[in-house]
Amino acid sequence: MSDAEELSLEEQVERIRRKRQRNTEHTRIRLILNTVFLLLAAIGLLMYFLNDNNHTLALVVIGVGMLLKIVEFFIRFVL
């Protein structure tokens, strides 16, 4: 028998509730990280194309945004 078959209906429902609760806690953090990522990406692109002489700062801003996106990825798939 599988684990799902061995659990009673109440235990299965409680297990689903706990999983949904955990997901809603992470959803708010992920939403904030995605918003900051999008803002940094847009600002970095504007800085890159509007500043003709030095693109280093724009690339740093985009890189920080990418690091935040990687953190969001791990929150989504690992936690």
PDB file of N, CA and C in Angstrom:
ATOM      1  N   MET A   1       0.836  -1.193   0.000  1.00  0.00           N
ATOM      2  CA  MET A   1       0.000   0.000   0.000  1.00  0.00           C
ATOM      3  C   MET A   1       0.869   1.241   0.000  1.00  0.00           C
ATOM      4  N   SER A   2       0.396   2.272  -0.660  1.00  0.00           N
ATOM      5  CA  SER A   2       1.136   3.528  -0.681  1.00  0.00           C
ATOM      6  C   SER A   2       0.810   4.346   0.559  1.00  0.00           C
ATOM      7  N   ASP A   3       1.563   5.421   0.760  1.00  0.00           N
ATOM      8  CA  ASP A   3       1.346   6.280   1.928  1.00  0.00           C
ATOM      9  C   ASP A   3      -0.043   6.901   1.907  1.00  0.00           C
ATOM     10  N   ALA A   4      -0.525   7.292   0.724  1.00  0.00           N
ATOM     11  CA  ALA A   4      -1.842   7.919   0.628  1.00  0.00           C
ATOM     12  C   ALA A   4      -2.952   6.956   1.019  1.00  0.00           C
ATOM     13  N   GLU A   5      -2.789   5.683   0.681  1.00  0.00           N
ATOM     14  CA  GLU A   5      -3.805   4.701   1.024  1.00  0.00           C
ATOM     15  C   GLU A   5      -3.806   4.386   2.516  1.00  0.00           C
ATOM     16  N   GLU A   6      -2.652   4.496   3.158  1.00  0.00           N
ATOM     17  CA  GLU A   6      -2.550   4.189   4.579  1.00  0.00           C
ATOM     18  C   GLU A   6      -3.087   5.315   5.460  1.00  0.00           C
ATOM     19  N   LEU A   7      -3.079   6.546   4.982  1.00  0.00           N
ATOM     20  CA  LEU A   7      -3.550   7.676   5.764  1.00  0.00           C
ATOM     21  C   LEU A   7      -5.072   7.758   5.734  1.00  0.00           C
ATOM     22  N   SER A   8      -5.631   8.160   6.844  1.00  0.00           N
ATOM     23  CA  SER A   8      -7.079   8.358   6.857  1.00  0.00           C
ATOM     24  C   SER A   8      -7.414   9.646   6.112  1.00  0.00           C
ATOM     25  N   LEU A   9      -8.669   9.825   5.840  1.00  0.00           N
ATOM     26  CA  LEU A   9      -9.116  11.008   5.111  1.00  0.00           C
ATOM     27  C   LEU A   9      -8.762  12.284   5.869  1.00  0.00           C
ATOM     28  N   GLU A  10      -8.962  12.267   7.184  1.00  0.00           N
ATOM     29  CA  GLU A  10      -8.645  13.446   7.993  1.00  0.00           C
ATOM     30  C   GLU A  10      -7.155  13.766   7.953  1.00  0.00           C
ATOM     31  N   GLU A  11      -6.339  12.739   7.994  1.00  0.00           N
ATOM     32  CA  GLU A  11      -4.891  12.956   7.929  1.00  0.00           C
ATOM     33  C   GLU A  11      -4.475  13.509   6.571  1.00  0.00           C
ATOM     34  N   GLN A  12      -5.114  13.023   5.506  1.00  0.00           N
ATOM     35  CA  GLN A  12      -4.807  13.530   4.177  1.00  0.00           C
ATOM     36  C   GLN A  12      -5.191  14.994   4.043  1.00  0.00           C
ATOM     37  N   VAL A  13      -6.371  15.353   4.569  1.00  0.00           N
ATOM     38  CA  VAL A  13      -6.823  16.739   4.508  1.00  0.00           C
ATOM     39  C   VAL A  13      -5.870  17.629   5.304  1.00  0.00           C
ATOM     40  N   GLU A  14      -5.472  17.195   6.474  1.00  0.00           N
ATOM     41  CA  GLU A  14      -4.549  17.979   7.306  1.00  0.00           C
ATOM     42  C   GLU A  14      -3.197  18.141   6.614  1.00  0.00           C
ATOM     43  N   ARG A  15      -2.747  17.111   5.957  1.00  0.00           N
ATOM     44  CA  ARG A  15      -1.492  17.174   5.215  1.00  0.00           C
ATOM     45  C   ARG A  15      -1.573  18.202   4.091  1.00  0.00           C
ATOM     46  N   ILE A  16      -2.680  18.229   3.374  1.00  0.00           N
ATOM     47  CA  ILE A  16      -2.880  19.208   2.302  1.00  0.00           C
ATOM     48  C   ILE A  16      -2.941  20.619   2.872  1.00  0.00           C
ATOM     49  N   ARG A  17      -3.635  20.798   4.009  1.00  0.00           N
ATOM     50  CA  ARG A  17      -3.717  22.126   4.644  1.00  0.00           C
ATOM     51  C   ARG A  17      -2.343  22.639   5.035  1.00  0.00           C
ATOM     52  N   ARG A  18      -1.534  21.789   5.628  1.00  0.00           N
ATOM     53  CA  ARG A  18      -0.182  22.202   6.022  1.00  0.00           C
ATOM     54  C   ARG A  18       0.655  22.592   4.809  1.00  0.00           C
ATOM     55  N   LYS A  19       0.515  21.832   3.736  1.00  0.00           N
ATOM     56  CA  LYS A  19       1.276  22.139   2.517  1.00  0.00           C
ATOM     57  C   LYS A  19       0.827  23.470   1.926  1.00  0.00           C
ATOM     58  N   ARG A  20      -0.472  23.736   1.885  1.00  0.00           N
ATOM     59  CA  ARG A  20      -0.976  25.010   1.372  1.00  0.00           C
ATOM     60  C   ARG A  20      -0.553  26.166   2.254  1.00  0.00           C
ATOM     61  N   GLN A  21      -0.559  25.984   3.557  1.00  0.00           N
ATOM     62  CA  GLN A  21      -0.139  27.041   4.481  1.00  0.00           C
ATOM     63  C   GLN A  21       1.322  27.390   4.245  1.00  0.00           C
ATOM     64  N   ARG A  22       2.138  26.370   4.062  1.00  0.00           N
ATOM     65  CA  ARG A  22       3.566  26.592   3.809  1.00  0.00           C
ATOM     66  C   ARG A  22       3.747  27.346   2.499  1.00  0.00           C
ATOM     67  N   ASN A  23       2.962  27.008   1.483  1.00  0.00           N
ATOM     68  CA  ASN A  23       3.073  27.676   0.199  1.00  0.00           C
ATOM     69  C   ASN A  23       2.642  29.134   0.286  1.00  0.00           C
ATOM     70  N   THR A  24       1.616  29.445   1.060  1.00  0.00           N
ATOM     71  CA  THR A  24       1.176  30.834   1.151  1.00  0.00           C
ATOM     72  C   THR A  24       2.203  31.692   1.881  1.00  0.00           C
ATOM     73  N   GLU A  25       2.936  31.109   2.834  1.00  0.00           N
ATOM     74  CA  GLU A  25       3.993  31.852   3.503  1.00  0.00           C
ATOM     75  C   GLU A  25       5.100  32.230   2.518  1.00  0.00           C
ATOM     76  N   HIS A  26       5.450  31.316   1.642  1.00  0.00           N
ATOM     77  CA  HIS A  26       6.508  31.569   0.670  1.00  0.00           C
ATOM     78  C   HIS A  26       6.025  32.448  -0.484  1.00  0.00           C
ATOM     79  N   THR A  27       4.741  32.448  -0.751  1.00  0.00           N
ATOM     80  CA  THR A  27       4.212  33.204  -1.880  1.00  0.00           C
ATOM     81  C   THR A  27       4.454  34.692  -1.708  1.00  0.00           C
ATOM     82  N   ARG A  28       4.252  35.208  -0.511  1.00  0.00           N
ATOM     83  CA  ARG A  28       4.463  36.641  -0.269  1.00  0.00           C
ATOM     84  C   ARG A  28       5.927  37.018  -0.478  1.00  0.00           C
ATOM     85  N   ILE A  29       6.840  36.212   0.032  1.00  0.00           N
ATOM     86  CA  ILE A  29       8.270  36.474  -0.150  1.00  0.00           C
ATOM     87  C   ILE A  29       8.633  36.416  -1.625  1.00  0.00           C
ATOM     88  N   ARG A  30       8.117  35.410  -2.328  1.00  0.00           N
ATOM     89  CA  ARG A  30       8.410  35.276  -3.755  1.00  0.00           C
ATOM     90  C   ARG A  30       7.865  36.446  -4.550  1.00  0.00           C
ATOM     91  N   LEU A  31       6.683  36.929  -4.191  1.00  0.00           N
ATOM     92  CA  LEU A  31       6.094  38.073  -4.879  1.00  0.00           C
ATOM     93  C   LEU A  31       6.964  39.310  -4.711  1.00  0.00           C
ATOM     94  N   ILE A  32       7.448  39.537  -3.512  1.00  0.00           N
ATOM     95  CA  ILE A  32       8.319  40.691  -3.263  1.00  0.00           C
ATOM     96  C   ILE A  32       9.623  40.555  -4.041  1.00  0.00           C
ATOM     97  N   LEU A  33      10.226  39.370  -4.014  1.00  0.00           N
ATOM     98  CA  LEU A  33      11.477  39.159  -4.749  1.00  0.00           C
ATOM     99  C   LEU A  33      11.294  39.337  -6.249  1.00  0.00           C
ATOM    100  N   ASN A  34      10.175  38.863  -6.800  1.00  0.00           N
ATOM    101  CA  ASN A  34       9.910  39.033  -8.226  1.00  0.00           C
ATOM    102  C   ASN A  34       9.718  40.497  -8.581  1.00  0.00           C
ATOM    103  N   THR A  35       9.023  41.249  -7.728  1.00  0.00           N
ATOM    104  CA  THR A  35       8.803  42.672  -7.992  1.00  0.00           C
ATOM    105  C   THR A  35      10.126  43.427  -7.983  1.00  0.00           C
ATOM    106  N   VAL A  36      10.965  43.148  -6.991  1.00  0.00           N
ATOM    107  CA  VAL A  36      12.269  43.812  -6.929  1.00  0.00           C
ATOM    108  C   VAL A  36      13.127  43.412  -8.125  1.00  0.00           C
ATOM    109  N   PHE A  37      13.077  42.154  -8.514  1.00  0.00           N
ATOM    110  CA  PHE A  37      13.826  41.703  -9.692  1.00  0.00           C
ATOM    111  C   PHE A  37      13.405  42.469 -10.945  1.00  0.00           C
ATOM    112  N   LEU A  38      12.098  42.594 -11.160  1.00  0.00           N
ATOM    113  CA  LEU A  38      11.623  43.302 -12.345  1.00  0.00           C
ATOM    114  C   LEU A  38      12.039  44.769 -12.334  1.00  0.00           C
ATOM    115  N   LEU A  39      11.963  45.399 -11.172  1.00  0.00           N
ATOM    116  CA  LEU A  39      12.388  46.798 -11.069  1.00  0.00           C
ATOM    117  C   LEU A  39      13.884  46.945 -11.351  1.00  0.00           C
ATOM    118  N   LEU A  40      14.695  46.077 -10.766  1.00  0.00           N
ATOM    119  CA  LEU A  40      16.134  46.151 -11.006  1.00  0.00           C
ATOM    120  C   LEU A  40      16.480  45.864 -12.465  1.00  0.00           C
ATOM    121  N   ALA A  41      15.795  44.925 -13.075  1.00  0.00           N
ATOM    122  CA  ALA A  41      16.054  44.623 -14.487  1.00  0.00           C
ATOM    123  C   ALA A  41      15.708  45.821 -15.364  1.00  0.00           C
ATOM    124  N   ALA A  42      14.567  46.453 -15.105  1.00  0.00           N
ATOM    125  CA  ALA A  42      14.163  47.617 -15.904  1.00  0.00           C
ATOM    126  C   ALA A  42      15.122  48.786 -15.684  1.00  0.00           C
ATOM    127  N   ILE A  43      15.481  49.043 -14.437  1.00  0.00           N
ATOM    128  CA  ILE A  43      16.411  50.139 -14.142  1.00  0.00           C
ATOM    129  C   ILE A  43      17.776  49.857 -14.761  1.00  0.00           C
ATOM    130  N   GLY A  44      18.240  48.624 -14.650  1.00  0.00           N
ATOM    131  CA  GLY A  44      19.527  48.257 -15.234  1.00  0.00           C
ATOM    132  C   GLY A  44      19.546  48.421 -16.745  1.00  0.00           C
ATOM    133  N   LEU A  45      18.467  48.029 -17.402  1.00  0.00           N
ATOM    134  CA  LEU A  45      18.403  48.206 -18.860  1.00  0.00           C
ATOM    135  C   LEU A  45      18.384  49.677 -19.245  1.00  0.00           C
ATOM    136  N   LEU A  46      17.619  50.466 -18.522  1.00  0.00           N
ATOM    137  CA  LEU A  46      17.604  51.902 -18.798  1.00  0.00           C
ATOM    138  C   LEU A  46      18.982  52.517 -18.596  1.00  0.00           C
ATOM    139  N   MET A  47      19.639  52.144 -17.518  1.00  0.00           N
ATOM    140  CA  MET A  47      20.987  52.657 -17.264  1.00  0.00           C
ATOM    141  C   MET A  47      21.955  52.223 -18.368  1.00  0.00           C
ATOM    142  N   TYR A  48      21.821  51.007 -18.827  1.00  0.00           N
ATOM    143  CA  TYR A  48      22.727  50.488 -19.848  1.00  0.00           C
ATOM    144  C   TYR A  48      22.577  51.243 -21.165  1.00  0.00           C
ATOM    145  N   PHE A  49      21.333  51.484 -21.581  1.00  0.00           N
ATOM    146  CA  PHE A  49      21.122  52.110 -22.883  1.00  0.00           C
ATOM    147  C   PHE A  49      21.181  53.634 -22.849  1.00  0.00           C
ATOM    148  N   LEU A  50      20.959  54.240 -21.698  1.00  0.00           N
ATOM    149  CA  LEU A  50      20.995  55.698 -21.618  1.00  0.00           C
ATOM    150  C   LEU A  50      22.371  56.242 -21.259  1.00  0.00           C
ATOM    151  N   ASN A  51      23.232  55.427 -20.700  1.00  0.00           N
ATOM    152  CA  ASN A  51      24.575  55.846 -20.322  1.00  0.00           C
ATOM    153  C   ASN A  51      25.553  55.283 -21.343  1.00  0.00           C
ATOM    154  N   ASP A  52      26.169  56.157 -22.131  1.00  0.00           N
ATOM    155  CA  ASP A  52      27.012  55.710 -23.236  1.00  0.00           C
ATOM    156  C   ASP A  52      28.430  55.319 -22.830  1.00  0.00           C
ATOM    157  N   ASN A  53      28.931  55.870 -21.746  1.00  0.00           N
ATOM    158  CA  ASN A  53      30.356  55.682 -21.488  1.00  0.00           C
ATOM    159  C   ASN A  53      30.701  54.549 -20.526  1.00  0.00           C
ATOM    160  N   ASN A  54      29.845  54.226 -19.555  1.00  0.00           N
ATOM    161  CA  ASN A  54      30.204  53.207 -18.575  1.00  0.00           C
ATOM    162  C   ASN A  54      28.993  52.317 -18.288  1.00  0.00           C
ATOM    163  N   HIS A  55      29.099  51.059 -18.673  1.00  0.00           N
ATOM    164  CA  HIS A  55      27.995  50.122 -18.494  1.00  0.00           C
ATOM    165  C   HIS A  55      28.163  49.246 -17.256  1.00  0.00           C
ATOM    166  N   THR A  56      29.247  49.438 -16.515  1.00  0.00           N
ATOM    167  CA  THR A  56      29.542  48.564 -15.381  1.00  0.00           C
ATOM    168  C   THR A  56      28.456  48.635 -14.311  1.00  0.00           C
ATOM    169  N   LEU A  57      28.046  49.835 -13.946  1.00  0.00           N
ATOM    170  CA  LEU A  57      27.030  49.978 -12.903  1.00  0.00           C
ATOM    171  C   LEU A  57      25.706  49.336 -13.339  1.00  0.00           C
ATOM    172  N   ALA A  58      25.342  49.503 -14.597  1.00  0.00           N
ATOM    173  CA  ALA A  58      24.111  48.897 -15.101  1.00  0.00           C
ATOM    174  C   ALA A  58      24.188  47.374 -15.023  1.00  0.00           C
ATOM    175  N   LEU A  59      25.338  46.816 -15.367  1.00  0.00           N
ATOM    176  CA  LEU A  59      25.505  45.366 -15.303  1.00  0.00           C
ATOM    177  C   LEU A  59      25.472  44.864 -13.864  1.00  0.00           C
ATOM    178  N   VAL A  60      25.986  45.653 -12.926  1.00  0.00           N
ATOM    179  CA  VAL A  60      25.921  45.276 -11.516  1.00  0.00           C
ATOM    180  C   VAL A  60      24.466  45.260 -11.048  1.00  0.00           C
ATOM    181  N   VAL A  61      23.687  46.271 -11.441  1.00  0.00           N
ATOM    182  CA  VAL A  61      22.272  46.327 -11.054  1.00  0.00           C
ATOM    183  C   VAL A  61      21.525  45.121 -11.618  1.00  0.00           C
ATOM    184  N   ILE A  62      21.770  44.793 -12.872  1.00  0.00           N
ATOM    185  CA  ILE A  62      21.129  43.628 -13.488  1.00  0.00           C
ATOM    186  C   ILE A  62      21.587  42.340 -12.797  1.00  0.00           C
ATOM    187  N   GLY A  63      22.868  42.260 -12.441  1.00  0.00           N
ATOM    188  CA  GLY A  63      23.390  41.081 -11.749  1.00  0.00           C
ATOM    189  C   GLY A  63      22.750  40.877 -10.385  1.00  0.00           C
ATOM    190  N   VAL A  64      22.540  41.962  -9.641  1.00  0.00           N
ATOM    191  CA  VAL A  64      21.870  41.857  -8.343  1.00  0.00           C
ATOM    192  C   VAL A  64      20.443  41.363  -8.541  1.00  0.00           C
ATOM    193  N   GLY A  65      19.781  41.878  -9.566  1.00  0.00           N
ATOM    194  CA  GLY A  65      18.431  41.399  -9.870  1.00  0.00           C
ATOM    195  C   GLY A  65      18.411  39.919 -10.187  1.00  0.00           C
ATOM    196  N   MET A  66      19.411  39.454 -10.916  1.00  0.00           N
ATOM    197  CA  MET A  66      19.483  38.034 -11.249  1.00  0.00           C
ATOM    198  C   MET A  66      19.725  37.185 -10.007  1.00  0.00           C
ATOM    199  N   LEU A  67      20.536  37.678  -9.081  1.00  0.00           N
ATOM    200  CA  LEU A  67      20.749  36.941  -7.830  1.00  0.00           C
ATOM    201  C   LEU A  67      19.444  36.818  -7.041  1.00  0.00           C
ATOM    202  N   LEU A  68      18.647  37.884  -7.021  1.00  0.00           N
ATOM    203  CA  LEU A  68      17.352  37.810  -6.345  1.00  0.00           C
ATOM    204  C   LEU A  68      16.435  36.797  -7.025  1.00  0.00           C
ATOM    205  N   LYS A  69      16.502  36.721  -8.341  1.00  0.00           N
ATOM    206  CA  LYS A  69      15.688  35.748  -9.074  1.00  0.00           C
ATOM    207  C   LYS A  69      16.118  34.322  -8.740  1.00  0.00           C
ATOM    208  N   ILE A  70      17.412  34.101  -8.569  1.00  0.00           N
ATOM    209  CA  ILE A  70      17.903  32.777  -8.196  1.00  0.00           C
ATOM    210  C   ILE A  70      17.417  32.411  -6.795  1.00  0.00           C
ATOM    211  N   VAL A  71      17.428  33.378  -5.877  1.00  0.00           N
ATOM    212  CA  VAL A  71      16.905  33.135  -4.529  1.00  0.00           C
ATOM    213  C   VAL A  71      15.431  32.756  -4.604  1.00  0.00           C
ATOM    214  N   GLU A  72      14.674  33.477  -5.420  1.00  0.00           N
ATOM    215  CA  GLU A  72      13.238  33.166  -5.580  1.00  0.00           C
ATOM    216  C   GLU A  72      13.066  31.760  -6.153  1.00  0.00           C
ATOM    217  N   PHE A  73      13.906  31.375  -7.077  1.00  0.00           N
ATOM    218  CA  PHE A  73      13.853  30.032  -7.663  1.00  0.00           C
ATOM    219  C   PHE A  73      14.021  28.969  -6.588  1.00  0.00           C
ATOM    220  N   PHE A  74      15.012  29.151  -5.712  1.00  0.00           N
ATOM    221  CA  PHE A  74      15.240  28.172  -4.658  1.00  0.00           C
ATOM    222  C   PHE A  74      14.090  28.134  -3.664  1.00  0.00           C
ATOM    223  N   ILE A  75      13.504  29.286  -3.370  1.00  0.00           N
ATOM    224  CA  ILE A  75      12.351  29.301  -2.475  1.00  0.00           C
ATOM    225  C   ILE A  75      11.193  28.517  -3.097  1.00  0.00           C
ATOM    226  N   ARG A  76      11.017  28.664  -4.394  1.00  0.00           N
ATOM    227  CA  ARG A  76       9.911  27.989  -5.068  1.00  0.00           C
ATOM    228  C   ARG A  76      10.114  26.485  -5.143  1.00  0.00           C
ATOM    229  N   PHE A  77      11.283  26.043  -5.521  1.00  0.00           N
ATOM    230  CA  PHE A  77      11.474  24.627  -5.826  1.00  0.00           C
ATOM    231  C   PHE A  77      12.165  23.824  -4.735  1.00  0.00           C
ATOM    232  N   VAL A  78      12.871  24.451  -3.828  1.00  0.00           N
ATOM    233  CA  VAL A  78      13.588  23.704  -2.807  1.00  0.00           C
ATOM    234  C   VAL A  78      12.836  23.718  -1.486  1.00  0.00           C
ATOM    235  N   LEU A  79      12.305  24.867  -1.106  1.00  0.00           N
ATOM    236  CA  LEU A  79      11.605  24.948   0.186  1.00  0.00           C
ATOM    237  C   LEU A  79      10.178  24.506   0.087  1.00  0.00           C
TER     238      LEU A  79
END
